[in-house]
């Protein structure tokens, strides 16, 4: 009986650890998604400056923001793929 109790405690501990890991990963992805939204909002004015006024410096900022978005998007894609594959 003691063996069964120890086994159940071990299983529950593993589930708790897995849940904590999942929560951490979810928070990480959500933080990155929020950062994507912030980058898009912050670059909106520079897009207008570049296309409406031909401001070259604004164009450089737009290109940098797009590169940042690319990196964030790839990180999110990787996390989503890992989660999807771990559920199989």
C-alpha atoms as a PDB file:
ATOM      1  CA  UNK A   1       0.000   0.000   0.000  1.00  0.00           C
ATOM      2  CA  UNK A   2       2.836   2.387   0.837  1.00  0.00           C
ATOM      3  CA  UNK A   3       4.285   1.713  -2.613  1.00  0.00           C
ATOM      4  CA  UNK A   4       0.990   2.739  -4.229  1.00  0.00           C
ATOM      5  CA  UNK A   5       0.873   5.958  -2.219  1.00  0.00           C
ATOM      6  CA  UNK A   6       4.445   6.808  -3.222  1.00  0.00           C
ATOM      7  CA  UNK A   7       3.657   6.087  -6.871  1.00  0.00           C
ATOM      8  CA  UNK A   8       0.564   8.320  -6.773  1.00  0.00           C
ATOM      9  CA  UNK A   9       2.516  11.107  -5.080  1.00  0.00           C
ATOM     10  CA  UNK A  10       5.175  10.826  -7.775  1.00  0.00           C
ATOM     11  CA  UNK A  11       2.569  11.008 -10.552  1.00  0.00           C
ATOM     12  CA  UNK A  12       0.886  14.029  -8.978  1.00  0.00           C
ATOM     13  CA  UNK A  13       4.248  15.735  -8.527  1.00  0.00           C
ATOM     14  CA  UNK A  14       5.099  15.119 -12.203  1.00  0.00           C
ATOM     15  CA  UNK A  15       1.723  16.512 -13.297  1.00  0.00           C
ATOM     16  CA  UNK A  16       2.258  19.585 -11.134  1.00  0.00           C
ATOM     17  CA  UNK A  17       5.713  20.116 -12.622  1.00  0.00           C
ATOM     18  CA  UNK A  18       4.361  19.647 -16.156  1.00  0.00           C
ATOM     19  CA  UNK A  19       1.558  22.092 -15.403  1.00  0.00           C
ATOM     20  CA  UNK A  20       4.049  24.662 -14.128  1.00  0.00           C
ATOM     21  CA  UNK A  21       6.205  24.205 -17.233  1.00  0.00           C
ATOM     22  CA  UNK A  22       3.132  24.589 -19.447  1.00  0.00           C
ATOM     23  CA  UNK A  23       2.067  27.743 -17.594  1.00  0.00           C
ATOM     24  CA  UNK A  24       5.558  29.199 -17.966  1.00  0.00           C
ATOM     25  CA  UNK A  25       5.655  28.437 -21.699  1.00  0.00           C
ATOM     26  CA  UNK A  26       2.144  29.828 -22.189  1.00  0.00           C
ATOM     27  CA  UNK A  27       3.108  33.027 -20.381  1.00  0.00           C
ATOM     28  CA  UNK A  28       6.259  33.273 -22.513  1.00  0.00           C
ATOM     29  CA  UNK A  29       4.299  32.934 -25.770  1.00  0.00           C
ATOM     30  CA  UNK A  30       1.643  35.393 -24.623  1.00  0.00           C
ATOM     31  CA  UNK A  31       4.359  37.894 -23.667  1.00  0.00           C
ATOM     32  CA  UNK A  32       5.875  37.557 -27.139  1.00  0.00           C
ATOM     33  CA  UNK A  33       2.469  37.988 -28.753  1.00  0.00           C
ATOM     34  CA  UNK A  34       1.896  41.140 -26.704  1.00  0.00           C
ATOM     35  CA  UNK A  35       5.316  42.381 -27.847  1.00  0.00           C
ATOM     36  CA  UNK A  36       4.249  41.783 -31.480  1.00  0.00           C
ATOM     37  CA  UNK A  37       1.208  43.970 -30.888  1.00  0.00           C
ATOM     38  CA  UNK A  38       3.349  46.670 -29.260  1.00  0.00           C
ATOM     39  CA  UNK A  39       5.858  46.698 -32.133  1.00  0.00           C
ATOM     40  CA  UNK A  40       3.063  47.017 -34.698  1.00  0.00           C
ATOM     41  CA  UNK A  41       1.475  49.875 -32.774  1.00  0.00           C
ATOM     42  CA  UNK A  42       4.793  51.673 -32.331  1.00  0.00           C
ATOM     43  CA  UNK A  43       5.816  51.476 -35.996  1.00  0.00           C
ATOM     44  CA  UNK A  44       2.505  52.711 -37.406  1.00  0.00           C
ATOM     45  CA  UNK A  45       3.537  56.369 -37.296  1.00  0.00           C
ATOM     46  CA  UNK A  46       6.875  55.596 -38.972  1.00  0.00           C
ATOM     47  CA  UNK A  47       5.098  53.765 -41.802  1.00  0.00           C
ATOM     48  CA  UNK A  48       3.006  56.873 -42.437  1.00  0.00           C
ATOM     49  CA  UNK A  49       6.070  59.146 -42.254  1.00  0.00           C
ATOM     50  CA  UNK A  50       7.942  56.988 -44.738  1.00  0.00           C
ATOM     51  CA  UNK A  51       5.170  56.524 -47.299  1.00  0.00           C
ATOM     52  CA  UNK A  52       3.503  59.929 -46.978  1.00  0.00           C
ATOM     53  CA  UNK A  53       6.544  62.161 -46.510  1.00  0.00           C
ATOM     54  CA  UNK A  54       9.404  60.048 -47.858  1.00  0.00           C
ATOM     55  CA  UNK A  55      11.239  60.192 -44.523  1.00  0.00           C
ATOM     56  CA  UNK A  56      14.200  57.813 -45.021  1.00  0.00           C
ATOM     57  CA  UNK A  57      14.968  57.515 -41.296  1.00  0.00           C
ATOM     58  CA  UNK A  58      11.395  56.390 -40.691  1.00  0.00           C
ATOM     59  CA  UNK A  59      11.875  53.765 -43.406  1.00  0.00           C
ATOM     60  CA  UNK A  60      14.921  52.436 -41.559  1.00  0.00           C
ATOM     61  CA  UNK A  61      12.891  52.195 -38.350  1.00  0.00           C
ATOM     62  CA  UNK A  62      10.133  50.348 -40.227  1.00  0.00           C
ATOM     63  CA  UNK A  63      12.633  47.842 -41.608  1.00  0.00           C
ATOM     64  CA  UNK A  64      14.102  47.262 -38.139  1.00  0.00           C
ATOM     65  CA  UNK A  65      10.633  46.785 -36.644  1.00  0.00           C
ATOM     66  CA  UNK A  66       9.756  44.293 -39.379  1.00  0.00           C
ATOM     67  CA  UNK A  67      12.927  42.325 -38.598  1.00  0.00           C
ATOM     68  CA  UNK A  68      11.992  42.304 -34.899  1.00  0.00           C
ATOM     69  CA  UNK A  69       8.520  41.041 -35.835  1.00  0.00           C
ATOM     70  CA  UNK A  70      10.044  38.301 -37.959  1.00  0.00           C
ATOM     71  CA  UNK A  71      12.138  37.066 -35.021  1.00  0.00           C
ATOM     72  CA  UNK A  72       9.205  37.215 -32.599  1.00  0.00           C
ATOM     73  CA  UNK A  73       6.921  35.425 -35.052  1.00  0.00           C
ATOM     74  CA  UNK A  74       9.464  32.641 -35.569  1.00  0.00           C
ATOM     75  CA  UNK A  75       9.838  32.199 -31.803  1.00  0.00           C
ATOM     76  CA  UNK A  76       6.066  31.932 -31.414  1.00  0.00           C
ATOM     77  CA  UNK A  77       5.833  29.455 -34.306  1.00  0.00           C
ATOM     78  CA  UNK A  78       8.510  27.286 -32.699  1.00  0.00           C
ATOM     79  CA  UNK A  79       6.708  27.258 -29.338  1.00  0.00           C
ATOM     80  CA  UNK A  80       3.369  26.415 -30.979  1.00  0.00           C
ATOM     81  CA  UNK A  81       4.934  23.571 -32.967  1.00  0.00           C
ATOM     82  CA  UNK A  82       6.585  22.150 -29.840  1.00  0.00           C
ATOM     83  CA  UNK A  83       3.283  22.196 -27.963  1.00  0.00           C
ATOM     84  CA  UNK A  84       1.399  20.664 -30.881  1.00  0.00           C
ATOM     85  CA  UNK A  85       3.933  17.857 -31.243  1.00  0.00           C
ATOM     86  CA  UNK A  86       4.059  17.151 -27.499  1.00  0.00           C
ATOM     87  CA  UNK A  87       0.305  16.483 -27.457  1.00  0.00           C
ATOM     88  CA  UNK A  88       0.590  13.625 -29.965  1.00  0.00           C
END
